[in-house]
C-alpha atoms as a PDB file:
ATOM      1  CA  UNK A   1      -6.412 -83.627  10.190  1.00  0.00           C
ATOM      2  CA  UNK A   2      -3.991 -86.114   8.660  1.00  0.00           C
ATOM      3  CA  UNK A   3      -0.866 -87.132  10.498  1.00  0.00           C
ATOM      4  CA  UNK A   4       2.131 -89.296   9.786  1.00  0.00           C
ATOM      5  CA  UNK A   5       1.165 -92.933   9.590  1.00  0.00           C
ATOM      6  CA  UNK A   6      -2.494 -92.416   8.683  1.00  0.00           C
ATOM      7  CA  UNK A   7      -4.279 -95.750   8.568  1.00  0.00           C
ATOM      8  CA  UNK A   8      -6.279 -96.939   5.569  1.00  0.00           C
ATOM      9  CA  UNK A   9      -9.225 -97.665   7.889  1.00  0.00           C
ATOM     10  CA  UNK A  10     -10.876 -96.172  10.973  1.00  0.00           C
ATOM     11  CA  UNK A  11      -9.284 -97.973  13.944  1.00  0.00           C
ATOM     12  CA  UNK A  12     -12.010 -96.838  16.339  1.00  0.00           C
ATOM     13  CA  UNK A  13     -14.746 -98.235  14.113  1.00  0.00           C
ATOM     14  CA  UNK A  14     -12.779-101.508  13.854  1.00  0.00           C
ATOM     15  CA  UNK A  15     -12.349-101.629  17.635  1.00  0.00           C
ATOM     16  CA  UNK A  16     -16.094-101.085  18.033  1.00  0.00           C
ATOM     17  CA  UNK A  17     -16.803-103.961  15.657  1.00  0.00           C
ATOM     18  CA  UNK A  18     -14.512-106.258  17.651  1.00  0.00           C
ATOM     19  CA  UNK A  19     -16.017-105.028  20.926  1.00  0.00           C
ATOM     20  CA  UNK A  20     -19.473-105.814  19.570  1.00  0.00           C
ATOM     21  CA  UNK A  21     -18.388-109.354  18.586  1.00  0.00           C
ATOM     22  CA  UNK A  22     -16.535-110.177  21.796  1.00  0.00           C
ATOM     23  CA  UNK A  23     -18.030-108.077  24.592  1.00  0.00           C
ATOM     24  CA  UNK A  24     -21.384-106.648  23.624  1.00  0.00           C
ATOM     25  CA  UNK A  25     -22.922-103.329  22.608  1.00  0.00           C
ATOM     26  CA  UNK A  26     -20.171-100.957  21.493  1.00  0.00           C
ATOM     27  CA  UNK A  27     -21.932 -97.650  20.877  1.00  0.00           C
ATOM     28  CA  UNK A  28     -20.762 -95.998  24.117  1.00  0.00           C
ATOM     29  CA  UNK A  29     -17.212 -97.341  23.829  1.00  0.00           C
ATOM     30  CA  UNK A  30     -16.957 -96.102  20.243  1.00  0.00           C
ATOM     31  CA  UNK A  31     -18.320 -92.685  21.140  1.00  0.00           C
ATOM     32  CA  UNK A  32     -16.053 -92.193  24.150  1.00  0.00           C
ATOM     33  CA  UNK A  33     -12.992 -93.409  22.258  1.00  0.00           C
ATOM     34  CA  UNK A  34     -13.818 -91.019  19.400  1.00  0.00           C
ATOM     35  CA  UNK A  35     -14.215 -88.072  21.782  1.00  0.00           C
ATOM     36  CA  UNK A  36     -10.908 -88.916  23.473  1.00  0.00           C
ATOM     37  CA  UNK A  37      -9.095 -89.145  20.126  1.00  0.00           C
ATOM     38  CA  UNK A  38     -10.582 -85.862  18.921  1.00  0.00           C
ATOM     39  CA  UNK A  39      -9.484 -84.255  22.204  1.00  0.00           C
ATOM     40  CA  UNK A  40      -5.918 -85.413  21.467  1.00  0.00           C
ATOM     41  CA  UNK A  41      -6.114 -84.011  17.926  1.00  0.00           C
ATOM     42  CA  UNK A  42      -7.487 -80.647  19.069  1.00  0.00           C
ATOM     43  CA  UNK A  43      -5.020 -80.272  21.921  1.00  0.00           C
ATOM     44  CA  UNK A  44      -2.126 -81.099  19.614  1.00  0.00           C
ATOM     45  CA  UNK A  45      -3.264 -78.560  17.020  1.00  0.00           C
ATOM     46  CA  UNK A  46      -3.905 -75.780  19.533  1.00  0.00           C
ATOM     47  CA  UNK A  47      -0.731 -76.421  21.515  1.00  0.00           C
ATOM     48  CA  UNK A  48       1.202 -76.492  18.223  1.00  0.00           C
ATOM     49  CA  UNK A  49      -0.168 -73.069  17.308  1.00  0.00           C
ATOM     50  CA  UNK A  50       0.563 -71.671  20.776  1.00  0.00           C
ATOM     51  CA  UNK A  51       3.998 -73.203  21.377  1.00  0.00           C
ATOM     52  CA  UNK A  52       5.922 -70.605  19.313  1.00  0.00           C
ATOM     53  CA  UNK A  53       4.382 -67.983  21.623  1.00  0.00           C
ATOM     54  CA  UNK A  54       5.485 -69.808  24.773  1.00  0.00           C
ATOM     55  CA  UNK A  55       1.931 -70.758  25.730  1.00  0.00           C
ATOM     56  CA  UNK A  56      -0.118 -73.877  26.337  1.00  0.00           C
ATOM     57  CA  UNK A  57      -3.879 -74.054  25.986  1.00  0.00           C
ATOM     58  CA  UNK A  58      -4.273 -73.844  29.782  1.00  0.00           C
ATOM     59  CA  UNK A  59      -2.214 -70.657  29.932  1.00  0.00           C
ATOM     60  CA  UNK A  60      -4.028 -69.240  26.911  1.00  0.00           C
ATOM     61  CA  UNK A  61      -7.397 -69.911  28.590  1.00  0.00           C
ATOM     62  CA  UNK A  62      -6.208 -68.026  31.673  1.00  0.00           C
ATOM     63  CA  UNK A  63      -5.145 -65.031  29.567  1.00  0.00           C
ATOM     64  CA  UNK A  64      -8.510 -64.996  27.774  1.00  0.00           C
ATOM     65  CA  UNK A  65     -10.359 -65.218  31.077  1.00  0.00           C
ATOM     66  CA  UNK A  66      -8.434 -62.254  32.449  1.00  0.00           C
ATOM     67  CA  UNK A  67      -9.038 -60.288  29.267  1.00  0.00           C
ATOM     68  CA  UNK A  68     -12.777 -60.920  29.613  1.00  0.00           C
ATOM     69  CA  UNK A  69     -12.835 -59.733  33.248  1.00  0.00           C
ATOM     70  CA  UNK A  70     -14.976 -56.612  33.615  1.00  0.00           C
ATOM     71  CA  UNK A  71     -12.620 -54.964  36.103  1.00  0.00           C
ATOM     72  CA  UNK A  72      -9.448 -56.082  34.321  1.00  0.00           C
ATOM     73  CA  UNK A  73      -8.449 -58.479  37.078  1.00  0.00           C
ATOM     74  CA  UNK A  74      -9.767 -61.518  38.916  1.00  0.00           C
ATOM     75  CA  UNK A  75      -9.097 -63.177  42.249  1.00  0.00           C
ATOM     76  CA  UNK A  76      -7.211 -66.448  41.839  1.00  0.00           C
ATOM     77  CA  UNK A  77     -10.119 -68.316  43.479  1.00  0.00           C
ATOM     78  CA  UNK A  78     -12.492 -67.001  40.811  1.00  0.00           C
ATOM     79  CA  UNK A  79     -10.025 -67.985  38.094  1.00  0.00           C
ATOM     80  CA  UNK A  80     -10.044 -71.532  39.454  1.00  0.00           C
ATOM     81  CA  UNK A  81     -13.833 -71.634  39.526  1.00  0.00           C
ATOM     82  CA  UNK A  82     -14.203 -70.298  35.992  1.00  0.00           C
ATOM     83  CA  UNK A  83     -11.423 -72.442  34.527  1.00  0.00           C
ATOM     84  CA  UNK A  84     -12.712 -75.413  36.556  1.00  0.00           C
ATOM     85  CA  UNK A  85      -9.252 -76.109  37.936  1.00  0.00           C
ATOM     86  CA  UNK A  86      -7.819 -77.041  41.323  1.00  0.00           C
ATOM     87  CA  UNK A  87      -6.251 -74.073  43.155  1.00  0.00           C
ATOM     88  CA  UNK A  88      -2.785 -75.641  42.793  1.00  0.00           C
ATOM     89  CA  UNK A  89      -3.185 -75.756  39.012  1.00  0.00           C
ATOM     90  CA  UNK A  90      -4.246 -72.106  38.918  1.00  0.00           C
ATOM     91  CA  UNK A  91      -1.240 -71.165  41.034  1.00  0.00           C
ATOM     92  CA  UNK A  92       1.092 -73.011  38.654  1.00  0.00           C
ATOM     93  CA  UNK A  93      -0.467 -71.361  35.590  1.00  0.00           C
ATOM     94  CA  UNK A  94      -0.263 -67.897  37.144  1.00  0.00           C
ATOM     95  CA  UNK A  95       3.332 -68.541  38.304  1.00  0.00           C
ATOM     96  CA  UNK A  96       4.391 -69.377  34.738  1.00  0.00           C
ATOM     97  CA  UNK A  97       2.498 -66.473  33.210  1.00  0.00           C
ATOM     98  CA  UNK A  98       4.002 -64.109  35.778  1.00  0.00           C
ATOM     99  CA  UNK A  99       7.521 -65.457  35.168  1.00  0.00           C
ATOM    100  CA  UNK A 100       6.997 -64.678  31.477  1.00  0.00           C
ATOM    101  CA  UNK A 101       5.826 -61.145  32.306  1.00  0.00           C
ATOM    102  CA  UNK A 102       2.303 -61.769  31.002  1.00  0.00           C
ATOM    103  CA  UNK A 103       0.386 -61.246  34.256  1.00  0.00           C
ATOM    104  CA  UNK A 104       0.966 -59.620  37.593  1.00  0.00           C
ATOM    105  CA  UNK A 105      -0.375 -60.337  41.044  1.00  0.00           C
ATOM    106  CA  UNK A 106      -1.900 -57.500  43.034  1.00  0.00           C
ATOM    107  CA  UNK A 107      -3.242 -57.305  46.578  1.00  0.00           C
ATOM    108  CA  UNK A 108      -7.022 -57.376  46.747  1.00  0.00           C
ATOM    109  CA  UNK A 109      -8.271 -53.927  47.833  1.00  0.00           C
ATOM    110  CA  UNK A 110     -10.806 -55.237  50.360  1.00  0.00           C
ATOM    111  CA  UNK A 111      -9.779 -58.825  51.177  1.00  0.00           C
ATOM    112  CA  UNK A 112      -6.246 -59.211  52.490  1.00  0.00           C
ATOM    113  CA  UNK A 113      -6.477 -63.001  52.054  1.00  0.00           C
ATOM    114  CA  UNK A 114      -7.114 -62.741  48.307  1.00  0.00           C
ATOM    115  CA  UNK A 115      -4.760 -62.000  45.446  1.00  0.00           C
ATOM    116  CA  UNK A 116      -5.846 -60.448  42.175  1.00  0.00           C
ATOM    117  CA  UNK A 117      -4.300 -61.322  38.824  1.00  0.00           C
ATOM    118  CA  UNK A 118      -4.282 -58.983  35.844  1.00  0.00           C
ATOM    119  CA  UNK A 119      -2.761 -58.942  32.382  1.00  0.00           C
ATOM    120  CA  UNK A 120       0.341 -56.864  31.748  1.00  0.00           C
ATOM    121  CA  UNK A 121       0.748 -54.931  28.494  1.00  0.00           C
ATOM    122  CA  UNK A 122       2.948 -57.813  27.255  1.00  0.00           C
ATOM    123  CA  UNK A 123       0.157 -60.220  28.285  1.00  0.00           C
ATOM    124  CA  UNK A 124      -2.334 -58.302  26.164  1.00  0.00           C
ATOM    125  CA  UNK A 125       0.057 -58.320  23.197  1.00  0.00           C
ATOM    126  CA  UNK A 126       0.812 -62.051  23.522  1.00  0.00           C
ATOM    127  CA  UNK A 127      -2.891 -62.836  23.885  1.00  0.00           C
ATOM    128  CA  UNK A 128      -3.619 -60.970  20.661  1.00  0.00           C
ATOM    129  CA  UNK A 129      -0.961 -62.989  18.781  1.00  0.00           C
ATOM    130  CA  UNK A 130      -2.114 -66.257  20.362  1.00  0.00           C
ATOM    131  CA  UNK A 131      -5.737 -65.606  19.443  1.00  0.00           C
ATOM    132  CA  UNK A 132      -4.716 -64.954  15.847  1.00  0.00           C
ATOM    133  CA  UNK A 133      -2.739 -68.227  15.852  1.00  0.00           C
ATOM    134  CA  UNK A 134      -5.545 -70.436  17.180  1.00  0.00           C
ATOM    135  CA  UNK A 135      -8.270 -68.833  15.096  1.00  0.00           C
ATOM    136  CA  UNK A 136      -6.105 -69.226  11.981  1.00  0.00           C
ATOM    137  CA  UNK A 137      -6.316 -73.003  12.481  1.00  0.00           C
ATOM    138  CA  UNK A 138      -9.969 -72.940  13.622  1.00  0.00           C
ATOM    139  CA  UNK A 139      -8.755 -74.289  16.976  1.00  0.00           C
ATOM    140  CA  UNK A 140      -7.938 -77.508  15.083  1.00  0.00           C
ATOM    141  CA  UNK A 141     -11.603 -78.213  14.388  1.00  0.00           C
ATOM    142  CA  UNK A 142     -11.430 -78.495  10.617  1.00  0.00           C
ATOM    143  CA  UNK A 143     -13.887 -80.694   8.797  1.00  0.00           C
ATOM    144  CA  UNK A 144     -17.107 -79.493  10.425  1.00  0.00           C
ATOM    145  CA  UNK A 145     -19.587 -76.976   9.105  1.00  0.00           C
ATOM    146  CA  UNK A 146     -20.812 -74.200  11.391  1.00  0.00           C
ATOM    147  CA  UNK A 147     -24.080 -76.083  11.905  1.00  0.00           C
ATOM    148  CA  UNK A 148     -22.183 -79.262  12.809  1.00  0.00           C
ATOM    149  CA  UNK A 149     -20.029 -77.316  15.253  1.00  0.00           C
ATOM    150  CA  UNK A 150     -23.188 -75.935  16.895  1.00  0.00           C
ATOM    151  CA  UNK A 151     -24.673 -79.434  17.070  1.00  0.00           C
ATOM    152  CA  UNK A 152     -21.493 -80.895  18.562  1.00  0.00           C
ATOM    153  CA  UNK A 153     -21.288 -78.112  21.134  1.00  0.00           C
ATOM    154  CA  UNK A 154     -24.873 -78.786  22.235  1.00  0.00           C
ATOM    155  CA  UNK A 155     -24.307 -82.546  22.404  1.00  0.00           C
ATOM    156  CA  UNK A 156     -21.192 -82.114  24.532  1.00  0.00           C
ATOM    157  CA  UNK A 157     -22.989 -79.536  26.668  1.00  0.00           C
ATOM    158  CA  UNK A 158     -25.576 -82.198  27.517  1.00  0.00           C
ATOM    159  CA  UNK A 159     -22.836 -84.533  28.696  1.00  0.00           C
ATOM    160  CA  UNK A 160     -21.210 -81.742  30.720  1.00  0.00           C
ATOM    161  CA  UNK A 161     -24.532 -80.831  32.351  1.00  0.00           C
ATOM    162  CA  UNK A 162     -25.316 -84.468  33.179  1.00  0.00           C
ATOM    163  CA  UNK A 163     -21.903 -84.825  34.852  1.00  0.00           C
ATOM    164  CA  UNK A 164     -22.609 -81.834  37.110  1.00  0.00           C
ATOM    165  CA  UNK A 165     -20.273 -79.423  35.302  1.00  0.00           C
ATOM    166  CA  UNK A 166     -22.949 -76.730  35.658  1.00  0.00           C
ATOM    167  CA  UNK A 167     -26.646 -76.381  36.556  1.00  0.00           C
END
């Protein structure tokens, strides 16, 4: 993905070369810096596609999660677990989605301490438009074949597993 001010060289590769000369082995630094830069590129592309719909990637993820729920709703605690977010972050996301009329909070039928969240009809409609927008840009992941995407997913999965993201 080109952007304004594209450089005629790869600045991360150049930084790795300098790191190698001045500090030592640069493989890990180059890899981490590349992953961080790609994360910026992807987030910018996805947020750019979602912004006209009044969504961020975090809010979009919450809508997708709710849409995938078997019963049509989820407790906020479960949303936090699945989205891997702090409860405060989930509350903020749900607050914004509710203010936009995309979700509603409901009392849990068996646990008075829990609150369920479910999509509204407008939430379903916005999710459909948002999904079309992000898939139209391949979530910003242009430049990779399907096989390369599978390989990258598995490589990143290894890092996530090693960090304790899941068993």
